[in-house]
Structures are given as C-alpha cells and as structure tokens.
Amino acid sequence: GVNPDPDPAEAALAAALAQAGPKAAAAVEAEDFAGAMAALSTLRAPIDAFFDQVTVNDADAKKRAARLGLLALFRDAVQHVADFSRIEG
C-alpha cells in the first residue's frame, strides 16, 4: 500500500528508490558493479533522513504498511546488487 499522506522524508526516499532501483538493476544486468554501487549510493542520505525523521512502526496501520513496504524495496535493491557482487567477487 501507498501512504496517502507521506512524511517528507518518506516521500524523498520513495522518489530516490524509484530512480536508483532501476538504475542499479540495469547496471547489474550490464555487469557494471561500480555503476550499481553508484546508483545505490544515492540512497544513503534519503535512508538516513527516513530513519531520523519517520516512525516506521506508526500507530496508523496504513502508514506502517507503506513504510515497511518502502524498506522492503530498499532491501530488495541492495540485495540484488549484493548478490551480484558475490558472483563478481
């Protein structure tokens, strides 16, 4: 689910993931590990801000589900690159 009223840090992370996720995936497909890492590195500031400013386990179930969903997208993007790096290494 999507949070209909996202916190600014939540919206920023969602936007960053929408850009970095596909870039990282395309870099992995092209066997460009450096490019994949560069794409993921753009998520550092938004993920830090997210954890600083957002309560993931919000009392509102919709907000909580949306925030956990965002973190799952982040995990998937990182996992995809980490799997590739193990093959590459």
Protein backbone atom coordinates (compact mmCIF):
# COMPACT_ATOMS: atom_id res chain seq x y z
CA GLY A 1 0.00 0.00 0.00
CA VAL A 2 0.93 3.59 -0.55
CA ASN A 3 0.72 6.08 2.27
CA PRO A 4 -1.74 8.74 1.08
CA ASP A 5 -0.07 11.37 3.29
CA PRO A 6 3.67 10.58 3.35
CA ASP A 7 6.14 12.31 5.63
CA PRO A 8 8.60 14.44 3.57
CA ALA A 9 11.45 12.03 4.34
CA GLU A 10 9.25 9.12 3.31
CA ALA A 11 8.33 10.79 0.01
CA ALA A 12 12.01 11.62 -0.62
CA LEU A 13 13.07 8.00 -0.04
CA ALA A 14 10.29 6.72 -2.33
CA ALA A 15 11.42 9.11 -5.07
CA ALA A 16 15.09 8.16 -4.63
CA LEU A 17 14.24 4.45 -4.76
CA ALA A 18 12.16 4.95 -7.91
CA GLN A 19 15.27 6.37 -9.58
CA ALA A 20 18.08 4.35 -8.00
CA GLY A 21 16.38 0.93 -8.05
CA PRO A 22 16.01 0.69 -11.85
CA LYS A 23 19.46 2.27 -12.40
CA ALA A 24 21.08 -0.27 -10.07
CA ALA A 25 19.18 -3.16 -11.68
CA ALA A 26 20.20 -2.03 -15.17
CA ALA A 27 23.83 -1.73 -14.05
CA VAL A 28 23.72 -5.26 -12.60
CA GLU A 29 22.27 -6.56 -15.89
CA ALA A 30 25.17 -4.88 -17.70
CA GLU A 31 27.62 -6.40 -15.19
CA ASP A 32 28.59 -2.86 -14.15
CA PHE A 33 29.16 -3.34 -10.44
CA ALA A 34 30.61 0.17 -9.97
CA GLY A 35 27.55 1.67 -11.66
CA ALA A 36 25.23 -0.36 -9.47
CA MET A 37 27.04 0.81 -6.33
CA ALA A 38 26.97 4.41 -7.56
CA ALA A 39 23.20 4.17 -8.05
CA LEU A 40 22.72 2.72 -4.56
CA SER A 41 24.98 5.35 -3.01
CA THR A 42 22.37 7.99 -3.89
CA LEU A 43 20.09 6.30 -1.33
CA ARG A 44 22.38 7.00 1.62
CA ALA A 45 21.07 10.47 2.51
CA PRO A 46 17.37 9.62 1.94
CA ILE A 47 17.57 6.42 4.02
CA ASP A 48 19.39 8.25 6.85
CA ALA A 49 16.76 11.02 6.81
CA PHE A 50 13.98 8.43 6.74
CA PHE A 51 15.25 6.72 9.89
CA ASP A 52 15.91 10.07 11.59
CA GLN A 53 12.51 11.59 10.85
CA VAL A 54 9.99 8.77 10.37
CA THR A 55 8.47 6.34 12.85
CA VAL A 56 8.30 3.11 10.85
CA ASN A 57 6.04 1.34 13.37
CA ASP A 58 3.43 4.10 13.26
CA ALA A 59 0.17 3.53 15.13
CA ASP A 60 -1.63 4.04 11.80
CA ALA A 61 -1.64 0.64 10.07
CA LYS A 62 -1.66 2.18 6.56
CA LYS A 63 1.39 4.34 7.32
CA ARG A 64 3.17 1.39 8.94
CA ALA A 65 2.46 -0.89 5.96
CA ALA A 66 3.60 1.76 3.47
CA ARG A 67 6.82 2.40 5.40
CA LEU A 68 7.61 -1.30 5.75
CA GLY A 69 6.94 -1.62 2.02
CA LEU A 70 9.45 1.15 1.29
CA LEU A 71 12.06 -0.60 3.42
CA ALA A 72 11.36 -3.85 1.55
CA LEU A 73 12.02 -2.05 -1.75
CA PHE A 74 15.26 -0.68 -0.33
CA ARG A 75 16.28 -4.15 0.89
CA ASP A 76 15.48 -5.70 -2.49
CA ALA A 77 17.56 -3.11 -4.38
CA VAL A 78 20.55 -3.63 -2.08
CA GLN A 79 20.16 -7.42 -2.07
CA HIS A 80 20.14 -7.54 -5.88
CA VAL A 81 23.46 -5.69 -6.01
CA ALA A 82 24.94 -7.67 -3.10
CA ASP A 83 24.10 -10.98 -4.85
CA PHE A 84 25.78 -9.68 -7.99
CA SER A 85 28.89 -8.60 -6.04
CA ARG A 86 29.25 -12.12 -4.59
CA ILE A 87 29.20 -13.60 -8.10
CA GLU A 88 31.59 -10.93 -9.33
CA GLY A 89 33.99 -11.23 -6.37
